[in-house]
Protein backbone atom coordinates (compact mmCIF):
# COMPACT_ATOMS: atom_id res chain seq x y z
CA MET A 1 17.52 111.22 -177.36
CA ASN A 2 18.31 114.34 -179.09
CA SER A 3 16.34 117.52 -178.33
CA HIS A 4 14.06 117.30 -181.33
CA HIS A 5 12.97 113.75 -180.42
CA HIS A 6 12.62 114.75 -176.82
CA HIS A 7 10.20 117.47 -177.80
CA GLN A 8 8.33 115.15 -180.07
CA PHE A 9 7.97 112.48 -177.43
CA LEU A 10 6.85 115.06 -174.78
CA PHE A 11 4.36 116.37 -177.22
CA MET A 12 2.93 112.96 -177.87
CA PHE A 13 2.67 112.41 -174.07
CA LEU A 14 0.86 115.71 -173.68
CA LEU A 15 -1.61 114.76 -176.52
CA PHE A 16 -2.28 111.41 -174.94
CA PHE A 17 -3.20 112.95 -171.57
CA ALA A 18 -5.34 115.71 -173.28
CA GLN A 19 -7.33 112.96 -175.01
CA LYS A 20 -7.83 111.30 -171.59
CA ILE A 21 -9.19 114.39 -170.23
CA GLU A 22 -11.42 114.78 -173.10
CA LEU A 23 -12.76 111.20 -172.46
CA LEU A 24 -13.34 112.21 -168.83
CA THR A 25 -15.51 115.02 -169.83
CA THR A 26 -17.79 112.99 -171.96
CA GLU A 27 -18.38 110.12 -169.57
CA ALA A 28 -22.19 110.02 -169.14
CA PHE A 29 -22.08 107.78 -165.93
CA THR A 30 -19.27 107.49 -163.36
CA GLY A 31 -19.23 104.06 -161.65
CA THR A 32 -22.54 102.18 -161.38
CA TYR A 33 -24.78 103.99 -158.99
CA GLY A 34 -27.04 107.09 -159.55
CA ILE A 35 -30.09 108.61 -158.19
CA ASN A 36 -33.25 110.43 -159.39
CA TYR A 37 -33.93 113.79 -157.91
CA GLY A 38 -37.68 114.19 -158.22
CA ARG A 39 -39.14 117.36 -156.68
CA ILE A 40 -42.91 117.10 -156.76
CA ALA A 41 -43.07 118.16 -152.99
CA ASP A 42 -43.41 121.42 -150.95
CA ASN A 43 -41.14 120.24 -148.01
CA ILE A 44 -37.86 119.06 -149.35
CA PRO A 45 -34.37 120.69 -148.92
CA SER A 46 -33.11 123.42 -151.21
CA PRO A 47 -31.06 122.42 -154.19
CA ASP A 48 -27.93 123.66 -152.48
CA GLU A 49 -28.52 121.23 -149.53
CA VAL A 50 -29.37 118.58 -151.92
CA ALA A 51 -25.93 118.89 -153.72
CA THR A 52 -24.19 118.81 -150.12
CA LEU A 53 -26.23 115.69 -149.25
CA LEU A 54 -25.36 113.95 -152.48
CA ARG A 55 -21.69 114.63 -152.15
CA ALA A 56 -21.82 113.47 -148.58
CA ALA A 57 -23.18 110.26 -149.76
CA LYS A 58 -20.58 110.13 -152.67
CA ILE A 59 -23.40 109.80 -155.15
CA ARG A 60 -22.13 111.27 -158.43
CA ASN A 61 -24.79 110.54 -160.96
CA VAL A 62 -28.00 112.46 -160.77
CA ARG A 63 -31.14 112.67 -162.95
CA ILE A 64 -33.74 115.58 -162.76
CA TYR A 65 -37.01 115.58 -164.66
CA ASP A 66 -36.89 119.24 -165.94
CA ALA A 67 -34.15 121.91 -166.31
CA ASP A 68 -34.89 123.88 -163.32
CA HIS A 69 -32.41 126.70 -163.05
CA SER A 70 -32.20 126.79 -159.43
CA VAL A 71 -30.86 123.20 -159.53
CA LEU A 72 -28.53 123.73 -162.40
CA THR A 73 -27.14 126.63 -160.48
CA ALA A 74 -26.83 124.69 -157.28
CA PHE A 75 -25.00 121.94 -158.77
CA SER A 76 -22.46 124.20 -160.35
CA GLY A 77 -18.81 123.35 -159.43
CA THR A 78 -19.88 120.33 -157.45
CA GLY A 79 -18.72 117.60 -159.96
CA LEU A 80 -22.15 116.02 -159.67
CA GLN A 81 -22.93 114.50 -163.24
CA LEU A 82 -26.45 115.66 -164.10
CA VAL A 83 -28.85 114.34 -166.65
CA VAL A 84 -31.52 117.01 -167.33
CA GLY A 85 -35.01 116.12 -168.37
CA LEU A 86 -37.05 117.59 -171.37
CA PRO A 87 -40.63 117.07 -170.00
CA ASN A 88 -43.20 115.27 -172.18
CA GLY A 89 -45.16 118.61 -172.42
CA TYR A 90 -42.41 120.16 -174.63
CA LEU A 91 -42.15 117.15 -177.18
CA LYS A 92 -44.66 118.24 -179.74
CA GLU A 93 -43.27 121.84 -179.89
CA MET A 94 -39.63 120.62 -180.18
CA SER A 95 -40.51 117.94 -182.75
CA ALA A 96 -42.31 120.63 -184.86
CA ASN A 97 -39.68 123.35 -184.56
CA ALA A 98 -36.05 122.94 -184.71
CA SER A 99 -35.41 126.51 -183.55
CA HIS A 100 -37.33 125.94 -180.39
CA ALA A 101 -35.13 122.94 -179.67
CA MET A 102 -32.01 125.18 -180.31
CA THR A 103 -33.39 127.84 -177.96
CA TRP A 104 -34.19 125.35 -175.14
CA VAL A 105 -30.80 123.61 -175.48
CA THR A 106 -28.99 127.13 -175.50
CA GLU A 107 -30.88 128.56 -172.51
CA ASN A 108 -30.85 125.26 -170.33
CA ILE A 109 -27.77 123.45 -171.34
CA GLN A 110 -25.17 125.34 -173.02
CA ALA A 111 -25.61 128.45 -170.69
CA PHE A 112 -24.63 126.16 -167.65
CA LEU A 113 -21.68 124.23 -169.15
CA PRO A 114 -18.98 123.50 -168.26
CA LYS A 115 -19.32 124.72 -164.59
CA THR A 116 -22.54 122.44 -164.15
CA SER A 117 -21.44 118.92 -165.47
CA ILE A 118 -24.60 118.25 -167.63
CA CYS A 119 -23.82 114.98 -169.28
CA GLY A 120 -27.17 114.07 -170.68
CA ILE A 121 -30.74 115.23 -171.86
CA ALA A 122 -33.47 112.73 -171.38
CA VAL A 123 -36.02 113.66 -174.04
CA GLY A 124 -39.46 112.76 -172.54
CA ASN A 125 -40.10 110.00 -170.05
CA GLU A 126 -41.99 106.68 -170.62
CA VAL A 127 -43.58 108.09 -173.93
CA LEU A 128 -43.69 104.89 -175.83
CA GLY A 129 -46.29 102.48 -174.41
CA GLY A 130 -47.77 105.43 -172.61
CA GLY A 131 -50.90 105.49 -174.64
CA ASP A 132 -50.68 109.12 -176.17
CA ASP A 133 -50.28 108.52 -179.81
CA GLU A 134 -49.43 112.12 -180.65
CA LEU A 135 -46.64 112.09 -178.06
CA MET A 136 -45.31 108.89 -179.51
CA GLU A 137 -45.34 110.39 -183.02
CA ALA A 138 -43.51 113.48 -181.74
CA LEU A 139 -40.89 111.71 -179.75
CA LEU A 140 -38.16 110.85 -182.59
CA GLY A 141 -38.55 114.49 -184.17
CA ALA A 142 -37.98 116.05 -180.67
CA VAL A 143 -35.04 113.55 -180.09
CA LYS A 144 -33.37 114.53 -183.42
CA ASN A 145 -34.03 118.36 -183.15
CA VAL A 146 -32.44 118.33 -179.67
CA TYR A 147 -29.47 116.23 -180.84
CA ASN A 148 -28.90 118.52 -183.82
CA ALA A 149 -28.99 121.47 -181.71
CA ILE A 150 -26.46 119.96 -179.25
CA ASN A 151 -24.31 118.95 -182.27
CA LYS A 152 -24.47 122.35 -183.83
CA LEU A 153 -23.18 123.75 -180.55
CA GLY A 154 -20.26 121.39 -180.50
CA LEU A 155 -21.56 119.54 -177.48
CA ALA A 156 -22.28 116.11 -179.00
CA ASP A 157 -19.39 114.48 -177.21
CA VAL A 158 -20.29 115.82 -173.84
CA VAL A 159 -24.19 115.57 -173.70
CA GLN A 160 -25.80 112.33 -174.39
CA ILE A 161 -29.30 112.26 -175.74
CA THR A 162 -31.70 109.40 -174.44
CA THR A 163 -35.27 108.71 -173.55
CA SER A 164 -36.37 106.24 -170.81
CA HIS A 165 -39.07 103.39 -171.33
CA SER A 166 -41.18 101.58 -168.92
CA GLN A 167 -41.91 97.92 -169.03
CA ALA A 168 -45.11 98.75 -170.98
CA VAL A 169 -42.92 98.61 -174.25
CA PHE A 170 -42.55 94.97 -173.93
CA ALA A 171 -44.48 91.69 -174.81
CA ASN A 172 -43.76 88.50 -173.20
CA SER A 173 -41.06 89.41 -170.74
CA TYR A 174 -41.06 85.93 -169.16
CA PRO A 175 -38.76 84.07 -169.66
CA PRO A 176 -36.24 86.84 -170.34
CA SER A 177 -35.19 85.38 -173.68
CA SER A 178 -38.86 85.46 -175.07
CA CYS A 179 -39.07 89.31 -174.69
CA ILE A 180 -40.07 91.34 -177.78
CA PHE A 181 -41.24 94.89 -178.38
CA ARG A 182 -45.01 95.23 -178.36
CA GLU A 183 -46.33 95.31 -181.96
CA ASN A 184 -48.25 98.58 -181.53
CA ILE A 185 -45.08 100.53 -180.58
CA ALA A 186 -42.58 98.85 -182.87
CA GLN A 187 -43.28 101.44 -185.64
CA TYR A 188 -41.93 104.27 -183.18
CA MET A 189 -39.25 102.03 -181.46
CA LYS A 190 -37.41 100.80 -184.52
CA PRO A 191 -36.54 104.27 -186.01
CA LEU A 192 -35.77 105.56 -182.57
CA LEU A 193 -33.34 102.74 -181.90
CA GLU A 194 -31.79 103.23 -185.38
CA PHE A 195 -30.97 106.81 -184.53
CA PHE A 196 -29.76 106.00 -181.03
CA SER A 197 -27.46 103.27 -182.46
CA GLN A 198 -26.02 105.97 -185.03
CA ILE A 199 -25.34 108.56 -182.10
CA GLY A 200 -24.09 105.95 -179.63
CA SER A 201 -26.85 106.19 -177.02
CA PRO A 202 -27.83 103.38 -174.70
CA PHE A 203 -31.48 102.09 -174.18
CA CYS A 204 -32.75 103.49 -170.95
CA LEU A 205 -35.08 101.25 -168.84
CA ASN A 206 -37.27 102.09 -165.86
CA ALA A 207 -37.25 98.62 -164.06
CA TYR A 208 -39.26 97.93 -160.97
CA PRO A 209 -39.40 94.52 -159.48
CA PHE A 210 -41.61 96.09 -156.93
CA LEU A 211 -44.37 96.72 -159.43
CA ALA A 212 -43.87 93.36 -161.06
CA TYR A 213 -44.08 91.53 -157.61
CA MET A 214 -47.20 93.48 -156.71
CA SER A 215 -48.87 92.71 -160.03
CA ASN A 216 -48.40 88.92 -159.32
CA PRO A 217 -47.50 88.01 -155.70
CA GLU A 218 -49.07 84.55 -156.08
CA ASP A 219 -46.49 83.38 -158.71
CA ILE A 220 -43.46 85.50 -157.68
CA ASP A 221 -41.28 84.79 -154.69
CA ILE A 222 -40.72 88.02 -152.90
CA ASN A 223 -37.00 86.97 -152.27
CA TYR A 224 -36.44 86.83 -155.89
CA ALA A 225 -37.62 90.54 -156.26
CA LEU A 226 -35.50 91.51 -153.21
CA PHE A 227 -32.20 89.98 -154.14
CA GLN A 228 -32.44 87.48 -151.28
CA LYS A 229 -31.85 83.83 -151.39
CA THR A 230 -34.15 81.93 -153.73
CA LYS A 231 -34.17 79.16 -156.34
CA GLY A 232 -34.62 81.76 -158.84
CA ILE A 233 -35.66 81.07 -162.54
CA TYR A 234 -34.11 79.08 -165.25
CA ASP A 235 -34.36 80.18 -168.95
CA THR A 236 -34.17 77.01 -170.98
CA LYS A 237 -33.70 78.75 -174.34
CA THR A 238 -30.50 80.37 -173.11
CA ASP A 239 -29.51 77.92 -170.58
CA LEU A 240 -29.19 80.81 -168.02
CA HIS A 241 -30.13 80.94 -164.47
CA TYR A 242 -31.48 84.12 -162.74
CA ASP A 243 -31.20 84.64 -159.02
CA ASN A 244 -32.96 88.10 -158.90
CA MET A 245 -35.55 89.79 -161.01
CA LEU A 246 -33.73 92.89 -161.90
CA ASP A 247 -31.18 91.03 -163.85
CA ALA A 248 -34.03 89.18 -165.57
CA GLN A 249 -35.77 92.42 -166.45
CA ILE A 250 -32.45 93.80 -167.96
CA ASP A 251 -31.71 90.77 -169.81
CA ALA A 252 -35.41 90.69 -171.22
CA THR A 253 -34.61 94.06 -172.60
CA TYR A 254 -31.32 92.79 -174.26
CA ALA A 255 -33.44 90.02 -175.79
CA ALA A 256 -36.03 92.47 -177.20
CA LEU A 257 -33.10 94.73 -178.46
CA GLU A 258 -31.46 91.64 -180.17
CA ASP A 259 -34.72 90.60 -181.74
CA ALA A 260 -35.33 94.17 -183.18
CA GLY A 261 -31.69 93.99 -184.56
CA PHE A 262 -29.69 96.05 -181.95
CA LYS A 263 -27.57 93.31 -180.32
CA LYS A 264 -24.79 95.71 -179.39
CA MET A 265 -26.86 98.45 -177.64
CA GLU A 266 -26.38 98.86 -173.92
CA VAL A 267 -29.10 99.04 -171.41
CA ILE A 268 -28.88 101.35 -168.51
CA VAL A 269 -31.43 101.39 -165.76
CA THR A 270 -32.72 104.84 -165.39
CA GLU A 271 -35.14 104.19 -162.59
CA THR A 272 -35.49 101.38 -159.87
CA GLY A 273 -36.64 101.35 -156.31
CA TRP A 274 -39.01 100.11 -153.74
CA ALA A 275 -41.72 101.91 -151.90
CA SER A 276 -41.41 102.05 -147.94
CA ARG A 277 -45.28 102.76 -147.52
CA GLY A 278 -48.36 101.86 -149.41
CA ASP A 279 -52.06 101.60 -149.35
CA ASP A 280 -53.78 98.57 -147.89
CA ASN A 281 -53.58 96.69 -151.21
CA GLU A 282 -49.77 97.46 -151.45
CA ALA A 283 -48.70 95.03 -148.63
CA ALA A 284 -45.04 94.71 -150.09
CA ALA A 285 -44.43 98.49 -149.46
CA THR A 286 -42.80 98.35 -146.18
CA VAL A 287 -39.82 99.86 -144.62
CA ASN A 288 -38.12 96.48 -144.24
CA ASN A 289 -38.54 95.60 -148.01
CA ALA A 290 -37.56 99.00 -149.20
CA ARG A 291 -34.34 98.84 -147.09
CA THR A 292 -33.63 95.18 -148.27
CA TYR A 293 -34.13 96.02 -151.92
CA ASN A 294 -32.08 99.16 -151.89
CA TYR A 295 -29.26 97.81 -149.67
CA ASN A 296 -28.98 94.63 -151.82
CA LEU A 297 -29.21 96.71 -154.97
CA ARG A 298 -26.43 98.75 -153.82
CA LYS A 299 -24.31 95.79 -153.01
CA ARG A 300 -25.10 94.35 -156.60
CA LEU A 301 -24.18 97.44 -158.36
CA ALA A 302 -20.95 97.75 -156.34
CA LYS A 303 -19.78 94.43 -157.87
CA LYS A 304 -19.56 96.12 -161.20
CA LYS A 305 -20.83 92.95 -162.95
CA GLY A 306 -22.85 92.43 -166.02
CA THR A 307 -25.96 90.16 -166.37
CA PRO A 308 -26.15 86.37 -167.36
CA LEU A 309 -26.96 87.24 -170.88
CA ARG A 310 -24.64 90.36 -171.35
CA PRO A 311 -21.68 89.66 -168.77
CA LYS A 312 -19.54 92.34 -170.30
CA PHE A 313 -22.10 95.25 -169.93
CA VAL A 314 -21.72 96.21 -166.28
CA VAL A 315 -25.09 97.05 -164.75
CA LYS A 316 -25.57 100.72 -164.07
CA ALA A 317 -28.76 102.06 -162.28
CA TYR A 318 -30.26 105.31 -161.00
CA ILE A 319 -32.27 104.72 -157.94
CA PHE A 320 -35.70 106.11 -157.43
CA ALA A 321 -35.54 108.52 -155.53
CA ILE A 322 -33.77 110.82 -153.17
CA PHE A 323 -36.89 112.06 -151.38
CA ASN A 324 -40.51 111.03 -150.58
CA GLU A 325 -42.52 113.41 -152.64
CA ASN A 326 -45.62 114.44 -150.85
CA LEU A 327 -47.38 116.01 -153.75
CA LYS A 328 -47.22 113.15 -156.21
CA PRO A 329 -50.54 111.91 -157.40
CA GLY A 330 -51.74 108.20 -157.28
CA PRO A 331 -51.45 105.51 -154.65
CA THR A 332 -49.56 106.03 -151.40
CA SER A 333 -46.61 104.02 -152.60
CA GLU A 334 -45.94 106.81 -155.26
CA ARG A 335 -45.12 109.28 -152.48
CA ASN A 336 -42.89 106.94 -150.52
CA PHE A 337 -39.90 105.84 -152.75
CA GLY A 338 -37.28 108.11 -151.09
CA LEU A 339 -34.03 107.09 -149.54
CA PHE A 340 -34.28 110.29 -147.58
CA LYS A 341 -36.95 112.06 -145.68
CA PRO A 342 -37.84 115.72 -146.47
CA ASP A 343 -35.63 117.03 -143.68
CA GLY A 344 -32.66 115.32 -145.07
CA SER A 345 -32.42 112.45 -142.58
CA ILE A 346 -32.37 108.87 -143.89
CA SER A 347 -35.68 106.92 -144.38
CA TYR A 348 -33.82 103.74 -143.52
CA ASP A 349 -30.23 102.84 -143.27
CA ILE A 350 -28.50 101.30 -146.23
CA GLY A 351 -25.19 103.06 -145.49
CA PHE A 352 -25.76 106.46 -146.41
CA HIS A 353 -25.74 109.51 -143.97
CA GLY A 354 -28.28 112.12 -144.11
CA LEU A 355 -28.01 115.96 -143.51
CA LYS A 356 -29.28 115.62 -140.06
CA SER A 357 -26.70 115.23 -137.51
CA SER A 358 -25.14 117.78 -135.29
CA SER A 359 -24.30 120.99 -137.25
CA ALA A 360 -20.72 120.82 -136.24
CA ASP A 361 -20.55 117.16 -137.80
CA SER A 362 -22.34 118.12 -141.01
CA SER A 363 -20.08 121.26 -141.57
CA LEU A 364 -17.00 119.16 -141.01
CA LEU A 365 -18.34 116.44 -143.25
CA SER A 366 -19.04 118.67 -146.15
CA LEU A 367 -15.64 120.37 -145.78
CA LYS A 368 -14.04 116.96 -145.99
CA VAL A 369 -16.11 115.99 -148.94
CA VAL A 370 -15.17 119.20 -150.73
CA ARG A 371 -11.44 118.53 -150.04
CA ALA A 372 -11.73 114.86 -151.09
CA GLN A 373 -13.68 115.50 -154.30
CA GLY A 374 -12.07 118.82 -155.00
CA LEU A 375 -9.13 117.19 -156.81
CA SER A 376 -11.10 115.61 -159.55
CA LYS A 377 -9.61 113.09 -162.13
CA SER A 378 -9.50 115.88 -164.76
CA TYR A 379 -7.57 118.33 -162.37
CA ILE A 380 -5.08 115.52 -161.45
CA LEU A 381 -4.52 114.93 -165.27
CA ILE A 382 -4.10 118.64 -165.74
CA LEU A 383 -1.52 118.76 -163.11
CA THR A 384 0.24 115.97 -164.90
CA ILE A 385 0.00 117.93 -168.14
CA SER A 386 1.51 120.95 -166.43
CA ALA A 387 4.30 119.02 -165.01
CA ALA A 388 5.13 117.51 -168.43
CA ALA A 389 5.00 120.94 -169.79
CA SER A 390 7.38 122.43 -167.35
CA LEU A 391 9.73 119.53 -168.12
CA LEU A 392 9.56 120.55 -171.79
CA PHE A 393 10.63 124.09 -170.80
CA LEU A 394 13.47 122.87 -168.53
CA LYS A 395 14.87 120.72 -171.32
CA GLN A 396 15.10 123.73 -173.70
């Protein structure tokens, strides 16, 4: 190979790896397991301690419900992939005013990139089907203005724009194949899906077998909700069998998307979990059931498998939540979804280690984690590029 061709070959090689790095920086979800970091509590660890806890547990994907700067700063340089929330209270203002969206994105997203790995913005939460018509009307405008701001700043390949939906957007979700979007939200859902399909965003679903089981314990086998042995359900229209409720809820979503004309859109579960304590009328909220659900869910996600209806779309889910949140309103269950207690110890054992062990252990652990995760994929690729580049110079 003559010198010119050699340089050309190495240049192509470098270009290939540069593209690989670009892909790594734009991945909105690494692996299949993530967690929600809710902070409606006055007794939980500091964001720095939370970053240490998550890294020790090797949980990379994290969602927060606002853009709190103390969290964005604490997660800087950690390699944790963060989805930031734009709370519902901002939607009308963002929808009405593109410059407000630009200011919000500049101050809360751009200012922290790239040190803090912000890979997404969740614009509003459970807006459609939530009963506030003004919010529902504002959602698409807010989504578009936030996306346009991200796009103008050259960040559209790095930061994915989404919004999460509850089960309230569906009609007839049983059997899964019969699921469609509710008529009264279709006017908002269709244009939103149209826009998301244009920009390549997934459909984000908050799916709780816990809530579905509690609403109908007579007809639903709790083992089906907990990923335990059960006869499951059979969907005659698709000739598919379901041995757990989460898969059925995801496939019901795929059926509704297909019915609406969006067969190719991916579904990501942005919240799922099981409460470990509840009121007298929440008998299913026990430590044992919460442990069973979250342990089996973790195993299910680790298989990196799709669902019966969409076997090629590997199921990805963010667990709700890191902590029990003592200031949340509503029934007792609402304050007891955490995998960890406020002091950082585990609520129950599903294979994670808490912050609470002897201080010598935890400092050693965090050092090990920093070392193990310090060499990120991107860094290794950069080393490869540097090696190739030095080869280039040596050949001259």
